[in-house]
Amino acid sequence: MTDHRVTVDGRVYRLLDYATKLAGLALIVAGLEVGGATMAGLLLGISGAVLGLTTVFIGRQS
């Protein structure tokens, strides 16, 4: 089984990590502002969680 992870330089990885986590947090906050029990709030919250975890699938070059 081959590993299909994307690898980037350490500096770029940190930048992507910070950016995706901040954007994910912003989407979660927007979902809570809209109303966590509404469909829009749930979709925003789930989207934020997924976006915040995207760097899990990106490898860092040593």
PDB file of N, CA and C in Angstrom:
ATOM      1  N   MET A   1       0.844  -1.180   0.000  1.00  0.00           N
ATOM      2  CA  MET A   1       0.000   0.000   0.000  1.00  0.00           C
ATOM      3  C   MET A   1       0.887   1.240   0.000  1.00  0.00           C
ATOM      4  N   THR A   2       0.646   2.134  -0.903  1.00  0.00           N
ATOM      5  CA  THR A   2       1.473   3.336  -1.013  1.00  0.00           C
ATOM      6  C   THR A   2       0.908   4.457  -0.153  1.00  0.00           C
ATOM      7  N   ASP A   3       1.802   5.310   0.291  1.00  0.00           N
ATOM      8  CA  ASP A   3       1.423   6.464   1.118  1.00  0.00           C
ATOM      9  C   ASP A   3       1.255   7.665   0.197  1.00  0.00           C
ATOM     10  N   HIS A   4       0.073   8.255   0.179  1.00  0.00           N
ATOM     11  CA  HIS A   4      -0.225   9.375  -0.712  1.00  0.00           C
ATOM     12  C   HIS A   4      -0.198  10.711   0.017  1.00  0.00           C
ATOM     13  N   ARG A   5       0.557  10.808   1.107  1.00  0.00           N
ATOM     14  CA  ARG A   5       0.616  12.059   1.851  1.00  0.00           C
ATOM     15  C   ARG A   5       1.391  13.115   1.073  1.00  0.00           C
ATOM     16  N   VAL A   6       0.934  14.320   1.169  1.00  0.00           N
ATOM     17  CA  VAL A   6       1.631  15.466   0.578  1.00  0.00           C
ATOM     18  C   VAL A   6       2.677  15.906   1.584  1.00  0.00           C
ATOM     19  N   THR A   7       3.899  16.169   1.133  1.00  0.00           N
ATOM     20  CA  THR A   7       4.934  16.650   2.037  1.00  0.00           C
ATOM     21  C   THR A   7       5.345  18.060   1.643  1.00  0.00           C
ATOM     22  N   VAL A   8       5.575  18.879   2.647  1.00  0.00           N
ATOM     23  CA  VAL A   8       5.993  20.261   2.436  1.00  0.00           C
ATOM     24  C   VAL A   8       7.127  20.583   3.400  1.00  0.00           C
ATOM     25  N   ASP A   9       7.805  21.665   3.139  1.00  0.00           N
ATOM     26  CA  ASP A   9       8.873  22.158   3.995  1.00  0.00           C
ATOM     27  C   ASP A   9       8.319  22.498   5.384  1.00  0.00           C
ATOM     28  N   GLY A  10       9.159  22.412   6.413  1.00  0.00           N
ATOM     29  CA  GLY A  10       8.731  22.669   7.781  1.00  0.00           C
ATOM     30  C   GLY A  10       8.109  24.040   7.987  1.00  0.00           C
ATOM     31  N   ARG A  11       8.682  25.049   7.352  1.00  0.00           N
ATOM     32  CA  ARG A  11       8.160  26.414   7.497  1.00  0.00           C
ATOM     33  C   ARG A  11       6.777  26.548   6.867  1.00  0.00           C
ATOM     34  N   VAL A  12       6.612  25.968   5.691  1.00  0.00           N
ATOM     35  CA  VAL A  12       5.314  26.004   5.007  1.00  0.00           C
ATOM     36  C   VAL A  12       4.287  25.194   5.796  1.00  0.00           C
ATOM     37  N   TYR A  13       4.731  24.068   6.367  1.00  0.00           N
ATOM     38  CA  TYR A  13       3.837  23.247   7.168  1.00  0.00           C
ATOM     39  C   TYR A  13       3.277  24.038   8.357  1.00  0.00           C
ATOM     40  N   ARG A  14       4.144  24.749   9.062  1.00  0.00           N
ATOM     41  CA  ARG A  14       3.689  25.544  10.212  1.00  0.00           C
ATOM     42  C   ARG A  14       2.699  26.618   9.782  1.00  0.00           C
ATOM     43  N   LEU A  15       2.976  27.266   8.653  1.00  0.00           N
ATOM     44  CA  LEU A  15       2.070  28.295   8.141  1.00  0.00           C
ATOM     45  C   LEU A  15       0.708  27.697   7.793  1.00  0.00           C
ATOM     46  N   LEU A  16       0.719  26.564   7.094  1.00  0.00           N
ATOM     47  CA  LEU A  16      -0.547  25.885   6.760  1.00  0.00           C
ATOM     48  C   LEU A  16      -1.278  25.425   8.010  1.00  0.00           C
ATOM     49  N   ASP A  17      -0.521  24.925   8.979  1.00  0.00           N
ATOM     50  CA  ASP A  17      -1.120  24.441  10.218  1.00  0.00           C
ATOM     51  C   ASP A  17      -1.829  25.577  10.949  1.00  0.00           C
ATOM     52  N   TYR A  18      -1.144  26.702  11.114  1.00  0.00           N
ATOM     53  CA  TYR A  18      -1.760  27.852  11.785  1.00  0.00           C
ATOM     54  C   TYR A  18      -2.981  28.360  11.023  1.00  0.00           C
ATOM     55  N   ALA A  19      -2.843  28.480   9.702  1.00  0.00           N
ATOM     56  CA  ALA A  19      -3.928  29.035   8.882  1.00  0.00           C
ATOM     57  C   ALA A  19      -5.166  28.148   8.920  1.00  0.00           C
ATOM     58  N   THR A  20      -4.983  26.834   8.781  1.00  0.00           N
ATOM     59  CA  THR A  20      -6.152  25.953   8.777  1.00  0.00           C
ATOM     60  C   THR A  20      -6.811  25.879  10.154  1.00  0.00           C
ATOM     61  N   LYS A  21      -6.017  25.926  11.199  1.00  0.00           N
ATOM     62  CA  LYS A  21      -6.606  25.885  12.542  1.00  0.00           C
ATOM     63  C   LYS A  21      -7.373  27.174  12.859  1.00  0.00           C
ATOM     64  N   LEU A  22      -6.818  28.317  12.462  1.00  0.00           N
ATOM     65  CA  LEU A  22      -7.523  29.584  12.685  1.00  0.00           C
ATOM     66  C   LEU A  22      -8.796  29.677  11.850  1.00  0.00           C
ATOM     67  N   ALA A  23      -8.717  29.252  10.594  1.00  0.00           N
ATOM     68  CA  ALA A  23      -9.908  29.279   9.740  1.00  0.00           C
ATOM     69  C   ALA A  23     -10.959  28.303  10.263  1.00  0.00           C
ATOM     70  N   GLY A  24     -10.524  27.135  10.723  1.00  0.00           N
ATOM     71  CA  GLY A  24     -11.450  26.166  11.304  1.00  0.00           C
ATOM     72  C   GLY A  24     -12.119  26.712  12.555  1.00  0.00           C
ATOM     73  N   LEU A  25     -11.339  27.370  13.396  1.00  0.00           N
ATOM     74  CA  LEU A  25     -11.899  27.976  14.603  1.00  0.00           C
ATOM     75  C   LEU A  25     -12.907  29.066  14.255  1.00  0.00           C
ATOM     76  N   ALA A  26     -12.603  29.855  13.230  1.00  0.00           N
ATOM     77  CA  ALA A  26     -13.527  30.904  12.799  1.00  0.00           C
ATOM     78  C   ALA A  26     -14.852  30.309  12.319  1.00  0.00           C
ATOM     79  N   LEU A  27     -14.787  29.187  11.597  1.00  0.00           N
ATOM     80  CA  LEU A  27     -16.018  28.540  11.139  1.00  0.00           C
ATOM     81  C   LEU A  27     -16.817  27.970  12.309  1.00  0.00           C
ATOM     82  N   ILE A  28     -16.140  27.411  13.286  1.00  0.00           N
ATOM     83  CA  ILE A  28     -16.834  26.892  14.462  1.00  0.00           C
ATOM     84  C   ILE A  28     -17.521  28.024  15.215  1.00  0.00           C
ATOM     85  N   VAL A  29     -16.819  29.134  15.383  1.00  0.00           N
ATOM     86  CA  VAL A  29     -17.409  30.291  16.068  1.00  0.00           C
ATOM     87  C   VAL A  29     -18.607  30.822  15.284  1.00  0.00           C
ATOM     88  N   ALA A  30     -18.478  30.878  13.955  1.00  0.00           N
ATOM     89  CA  ALA A  30     -19.599  31.333  13.125  1.00  0.00           C
ATOM     90  C   ALA A  30     -20.787  30.396  13.280  1.00  0.00           C
ATOM     91  N   GLY A  31     -20.533  29.100  13.360  1.00  0.00           N
ATOM     92  CA  GLY A  31     -21.609  28.135  13.569  1.00  0.00           C
ATOM     93  C   GLY A  31     -22.310  28.327  14.895  1.00  0.00           C
ATOM     94  N   LEU A  32     -21.544  28.653  15.922  1.00  0.00           N
ATOM     95  CA  LEU A  32     -22.153  28.910  17.229  1.00  0.00           C
ATOM     96  C   LEU A  32     -22.944  30.215  17.233  1.00  0.00           C
ATOM     97  N   GLU A  33     -22.440  31.211  16.509  1.00  0.00           N
ATOM     98  CA  GLU A  33     -23.161  32.483  16.415  1.00  0.00           C
ATOM     99  C   GLU A  33     -24.487  32.326  15.677  1.00  0.00           C
ATOM    100  N   VAL A  34     -24.481  31.516  14.616  1.00  0.00           N
ATOM    101  CA  VAL A  34     -25.708  31.276  13.855  1.00  0.00           C
ATOM    102  C   VAL A  34     -26.707  30.502  14.709  1.00  0.00           C
ATOM    103  N   GLY A  35     -26.190  29.630  15.531  1.00  0.00           N
ATOM    104  CA  GLY A  35     -27.020  28.786  16.384  1.00  0.00           C
ATOM    105  C   GLY A  35     -26.580  27.342  16.211  1.00  0.00           C
ATOM    106  N   GLY A  36     -25.970  26.787  17.230  1.00  0.00           N
ATOM    107  CA  GLY A  36     -25.417  25.449  17.133  1.00  0.00           C
ATOM    108  C   GLY A  36     -26.430  24.367  16.836  1.00  0.00           C
ATOM    109  N   ALA A  37     -27.692  24.610  17.145  1.00  0.00           N
ATOM    110  CA  ALA A  37     -28.725  23.597  16.927  1.00  0.00           C
ATOM    111  C   ALA A  37     -29.377  23.710  15.540  1.00  0.00           C
ATOM    112  N   THR A  38     -29.034  24.754  14.780  1.00  0.00           N
ATOM    113  CA  THR A  38     -29.615  24.908  13.445  1.00  0.00           C
ATOM    114  C   THR A  38     -28.779  24.138  12.426  1.00  0.00           C
ATOM    115  N   MET A  39     -29.350  23.889  11.281  1.00  0.00           N
ATOM    116  CA  MET A  39     -28.631  23.164  10.229  1.00  0.00           C
ATOM    117  C   MET A  39     -27.402  23.946   9.775  1.00  0.00           C
ATOM    118  N   ALA A  40     -27.543  25.256   9.607  1.00  0.00           N
ATOM    119  CA  ALA A  40     -26.405  26.076   9.184  1.00  0.00           C
ATOM    120  C   ALA A  40     -25.304  26.057  10.244  1.00  0.00           C
ATOM    121  N   GLY A  41     -25.684  26.133  11.501  1.00  0.00           N
ATOM    122  CA  GLY A  41     -24.702  26.092  12.584  1.00  0.00           C
ATOM    123  C   GLY A  41     -23.962  24.766  12.635  1.00  0.00           C
ATOM    124  N   LEU A  42     -24.697  23.683  12.454  1.00  0.00           N
ATOM    125  CA  LEU A  42     -24.060  22.365  12.448  1.00  0.00           C
ATOM    126  C   LEU A  42     -23.105  22.213  11.269  1.00  0.00           C
ATOM    127  N   LEU A  43     -23.517  22.656  10.092  1.00  0.00           N
ATOM    128  CA  LEU A  43     -22.660  22.549   8.917  1.00  0.00           C
ATOM    129  C   LEU A  43     -21.397  23.400   9.063  1.00  0.00           C
ATOM    130  N   LEU A  44     -21.546  24.597   9.604  1.00  0.00           N
ATOM    131  CA  LEU A  44     -20.378  25.447   9.820  1.00  0.00           C
ATOM    132  C   LEU A  44     -19.432  24.824  10.848  1.00  0.00           C
ATOM    133  N   GLY A  45     -19.989  24.281  11.911  1.00  0.00           N
ATOM    134  CA  GLY A  45     -19.164  23.650  12.936  1.00  0.00           C
ATOM    135  C   GLY A  45     -18.418  22.433  12.430  1.00  0.00           C
ATOM    136  N   ILE A  46     -19.108  21.593  11.694  1.00  0.00           N
ATOM    137  CA  ILE A  46     -18.469  20.396  11.139  1.00  0.00           C
ATOM    138  C   ILE A  46     -17.412  20.794  10.105  1.00  0.00           C
ATOM    139  N   SER A  47     -17.725  21.778   9.278  1.00  0.00           N
ATOM    140  CA  SER A  47     -16.749  22.253   8.291  1.00  0.00           C
ATOM    141  C   SER A  47     -15.510  22.811   8.977  1.00  0.00           C
ATOM    142  N   GLY A  48     -15.710  23.529  10.054  1.00  0.00           N
ATOM    143  CA  GLY A  48     -14.581  24.081  10.803  1.00  0.00           C
ATOM    144  C   GLY A  48     -13.707  22.999  11.409  1.00  0.00           C
ATOM    145  N   ALA A  49     -14.328  21.959  11.943  1.00  0.00           N
ATOM    146  CA  ALA A  49     -13.564  20.853  12.522  1.00  0.00           C
ATOM    147  C   ALA A  49     -12.762  20.126  11.449  1.00  0.00           C
ATOM    148  N   VAL A  50     -13.377  19.901  10.302  1.00  0.00           N
ATOM    149  CA  VAL A  50     -12.681  19.218   9.208  1.00  0.00           C
ATOM    150  C   VAL A  50     -11.515  20.081   8.709  1.00  0.00           C
ATOM    151  N   LEU A  51     -11.753  21.365   8.531  1.00  0.00           N
ATOM    152  CA  LEU A  51     -10.702  22.263   8.060  1.00  0.00           C
ATOM    153  C   LEU A  51      -9.554  22.336   9.069  1.00  0.00           C
ATOM    154  N   GLY A  52      -9.884  22.375  10.340  1.00  0.00           N
ATOM    155  CA  GLY A  52      -8.849  22.450  11.374  1.00  0.00           C
ATOM    156  C   GLY A  52      -7.970  21.213  11.433  1.00  0.00           C
ATOM    157  N   LEU A  53      -8.468  20.099  10.950  1.00  0.00           N
ATOM    158  CA  LEU A  53      -7.706  18.848  10.999  1.00  0.00           C
ATOM    159  C   LEU A  53      -7.031  18.483   9.681  1.00  0.00           C
ATOM    160  N   THR A  54      -7.073  19.361   8.689  1.00  0.00           N
ATOM    161  CA  THR A  54      -6.530  19.008   7.377  1.00  0.00           C
ATOM    162  C   THR A  54      -5.028  18.787   7.385  1.00  0.00           C
ATOM    163  N   THR A  55      -4.296  19.418   8.293  1.00  0.00           N
ATOM    164  CA  THR A  55      -2.835  19.239   8.290  1.00  0.00           C
ATOM    165  C   THR A  55      -2.439  17.853   8.788  1.00  0.00           C
ATOM    166  N   VAL A  56      -3.374  17.084   9.297  1.00  0.00           N
ATOM    167  CA  VAL A  56      -3.075  15.702   9.681  1.00  0.00           C
ATOM    168  C   VAL A  56      -2.652  14.907   8.452  1.00  0.00           C
ATOM    169  N   PHE A  57      -3.162  15.263   7.293  1.00  0.00           N
ATOM    170  CA  PHE A  57      -2.892  14.542   6.060  1.00  0.00           C
ATOM    171  C   PHE A  57      -1.720  15.130   5.262  1.00  0.00           C
ATOM    172  N   ILE A  58      -1.042  16.112   5.841  1.00  0.00           N
ATOM    173  CA  ILE A  58       0.105  16.719   5.180  1.00  0.00           C
ATOM    174  C   ILE A  58       1.343  16.375   5.994  1.00  0.00           C
ATOM    175  N   GLY A  59       2.330  15.789   5.348  1.00  0.00           N
ATOM    176  CA  GLY A  59       3.575  15.427   6.029  1.00  0.00           C
ATOM    177  C   GLY A  59       4.572  16.568   5.981  1.00  0.00           C
ATOM    178  N   ARG A  60       5.462  16.563   6.961  1.00  0.00           N
ATOM    179  CA  ARG A  60       6.494  17.597   7.031  1.00  0.00           C
ATOM    180  C   ARG A  60       7.828  16.979   6.622  1.00  0.00           C
ATOM    181  N   GLN A  61       8.549  17.659   5.729  1.00  0.00           N
ATOM    182  CA  GLN A  61       9.880  17.193   5.339  1.00  0.00           C
ATOM    183  C   GLN A  61      10.855  17.483   6.448  1.00  0.00           C
ATOM    184  N   SER A  62      11.765  16.568   6.657  1.00  0.00           N
ATOM    185  CA  SER A  62      12.786  16.772   7.703  1.00  0.00           C
ATOM    186  C   SER A  62      13.952  17.567   7.189  1.00  0.00           C
TER     187      SER A  62
END
